[in-house]
Protein backbone atom coordinates (compact mmCIF):
# COMPACT_ATOMS: atom_id res chain seq x y z
CA UNK A 1 0.00 0.00 0.00
CA UNK A 2 1.21 3.52 -0.72
CA UNK A 3 1.65 5.95 2.19
CA UNK A 4 -1.50 7.84 3.15
CA UNK A 5 0.08 11.27 3.50
CA UNK A 6 3.58 11.48 1.96
CA UNK A 7 5.60 14.67 1.58
CA UNK A 8 5.06 16.32 -1.79
CA UNK A 9 7.53 17.88 -4.19
CA UNK A 10 6.99 21.33 -5.60
CA UNK A 11 6.12 19.74 -8.94
CA UNK A 12 4.74 16.32 -9.80
CA UNK A 13 6.56 14.17 -12.36
CA UNK A 14 5.88 14.64 -16.04
CA UNK A 15 7.09 11.29 -17.37
CA UNK A 16 5.34 9.06 -19.94
CA UNK A 17 5.23 6.17 -17.43
CA UNK A 18 4.47 5.83 -13.73
CA UNK A 19 7.36 6.75 -11.50
CA UNK A 20 8.16 5.68 -7.93
CA UNK A 21 6.90 9.15 -6.90
CA UNK A 22 3.56 8.43 -8.58
CA UNK A 23 3.21 5.11 -6.79
CA UNK A 24 4.07 6.75 -3.48
CA UNK A 25 1.50 9.52 -4.10
CA UNK A 26 -1.40 7.41 -5.39
CA UNK A 27 -3.54 8.35 -2.38
CA UNK A 28 -2.64 12.02 -2.84
CA UNK A 29 -3.79 11.83 -6.45
CA UNK A 30 -7.11 10.24 -5.48
CA UNK A 31 -7.67 12.92 -2.84
CA UNK A 32 -7.01 15.65 -5.41
CA UNK A 33 -9.40 14.10 -7.92
CA UNK A 34 -12.09 13.72 -5.26
CA UNK A 35 -11.65 17.33 -4.18
CA UNK A 36 -11.93 18.58 -7.74
CA UNK A 37 -15.09 16.54 -8.28
CA UNK A 38 -16.54 18.09 -5.12
CA UNK A 39 -15.63 21.59 -6.38
CA UNK A 40 -13.48 22.18 -3.32
CA UNK A 41 -11.55 25.43 -3.12
CA UNK A 42 -8.04 24.80 -4.45
CA UNK A 43 -6.46 26.76 -1.60
CA UNK A 44 -8.16 24.59 1.00
CA UNK A 45 -7.13 21.46 -0.91
CA UNK A 46 -3.50 22.53 -1.19
CA UNK A 47 -3.42 23.30 2.53
CA UNK A 48 -4.97 19.96 3.55
CA UNK A 49 -3.66 17.54 0.92
CA UNK A 50 -0.32 19.03 -0.11
CA UNK A 51 0.50 20.74 3.19
CA UNK A 52 1.44 24.05 1.60
CA UNK A 53 0.07 27.33 2.91
CA UNK A 54 -1.12 29.33 -0.13
CA UNK A 55 -1.13 32.56 1.90
CA UNK A 56 2.57 32.18 2.69
CA UNK A 57 3.75 30.57 -0.57
CA UNK A 58 1.14 31.40 -3.24
CA UNK A 59 3.26 30.61 -6.31
CA UNK A 60 4.58 27.33 -4.88
CA UNK A 61 1.10 26.33 -3.73
CA UNK A 62 -0.52 27.01 -7.09
CA UNK A 63 2.25 25.28 -9.03
CA UNK A 64 2.21 22.21 -6.81
CA UNK A 65 -1.57 22.01 -6.96
CA UNK A 66 -1.77 22.34 -10.74
CA UNK A 67 1.06 19.90 -11.46
CA UNK A 68 -0.19 17.26 -9.02
CA UNK A 69 -3.78 17.54 -10.24
CA UNK A 70 -2.61 17.23 -13.85
CA UNK A 71 -0.55 14.18 -12.93
CA UNK A 72 -3.50 12.69 -11.05
CA UNK A 73 -5.66 13.08 -14.16
CA UNK A 74 -2.94 11.53 -16.33
CA UNK A 75 -2.58 8.60 -13.92
CA UNK A 76 -6.34 8.06 -13.87
CA UNK A 77 -6.47 7.98 -17.68
CA UNK A 78 -3.20 6.23 -18.53
CA UNK A 79 -1.00 5.26 -15.59
CA UNK A 80 -3.40 2.77 -14.08
CA UNK A 81 -2.80 0.46 -17.06
CA UNK A 82 0.80 0.00 -15.97
CA UNK A 83 -0.31 -0.93 -12.46
CA UNK A 84 -2.80 -3.46 -13.85
CA UNK A 85 -0.17 -4.97 -16.10
CA UNK A 86 2.63 -5.11 -13.52
CA UNK A 87 0.86 -5.09 -10.18
CA UNK A 88 1.78 -2.94 -7.20
CA UNK A 89 5.50 -3.15 -6.41
CA UNK A 90 6.11 -5.17 -3.26
CA UNK A 91 9.00 -2.97 -2.10
CA UNK A 92 6.94 0.24 -1.99
C-alpha cells in the first residue's frame, strides 16, 4: 500500500510512465481528484492535501496544486494500465 500522506515535491513528475513518486502519491492523487469533483476550493485542498500554505507561498502552492492535479488526471487515464499490467510493487 502507498503511504496515506507522503511529503510532496513542488512539482509532480511529467514522465510518460508511472514513477516511484507516482506510486508513493497514489492516495494524494485520489484525494485531489475527489476534491476537484466536489468543487473544493483549491487553496483549501492545497493546505490539507499538499500541506502548503497558499497565503505564505502562493506561487509554490498554485504550481504544486496544478502539477499534481494534472498528474493525477494523467494517472487516472493512462498510468493505471501500468499498475494493472505489472501489479503494485512489493518494495513500496
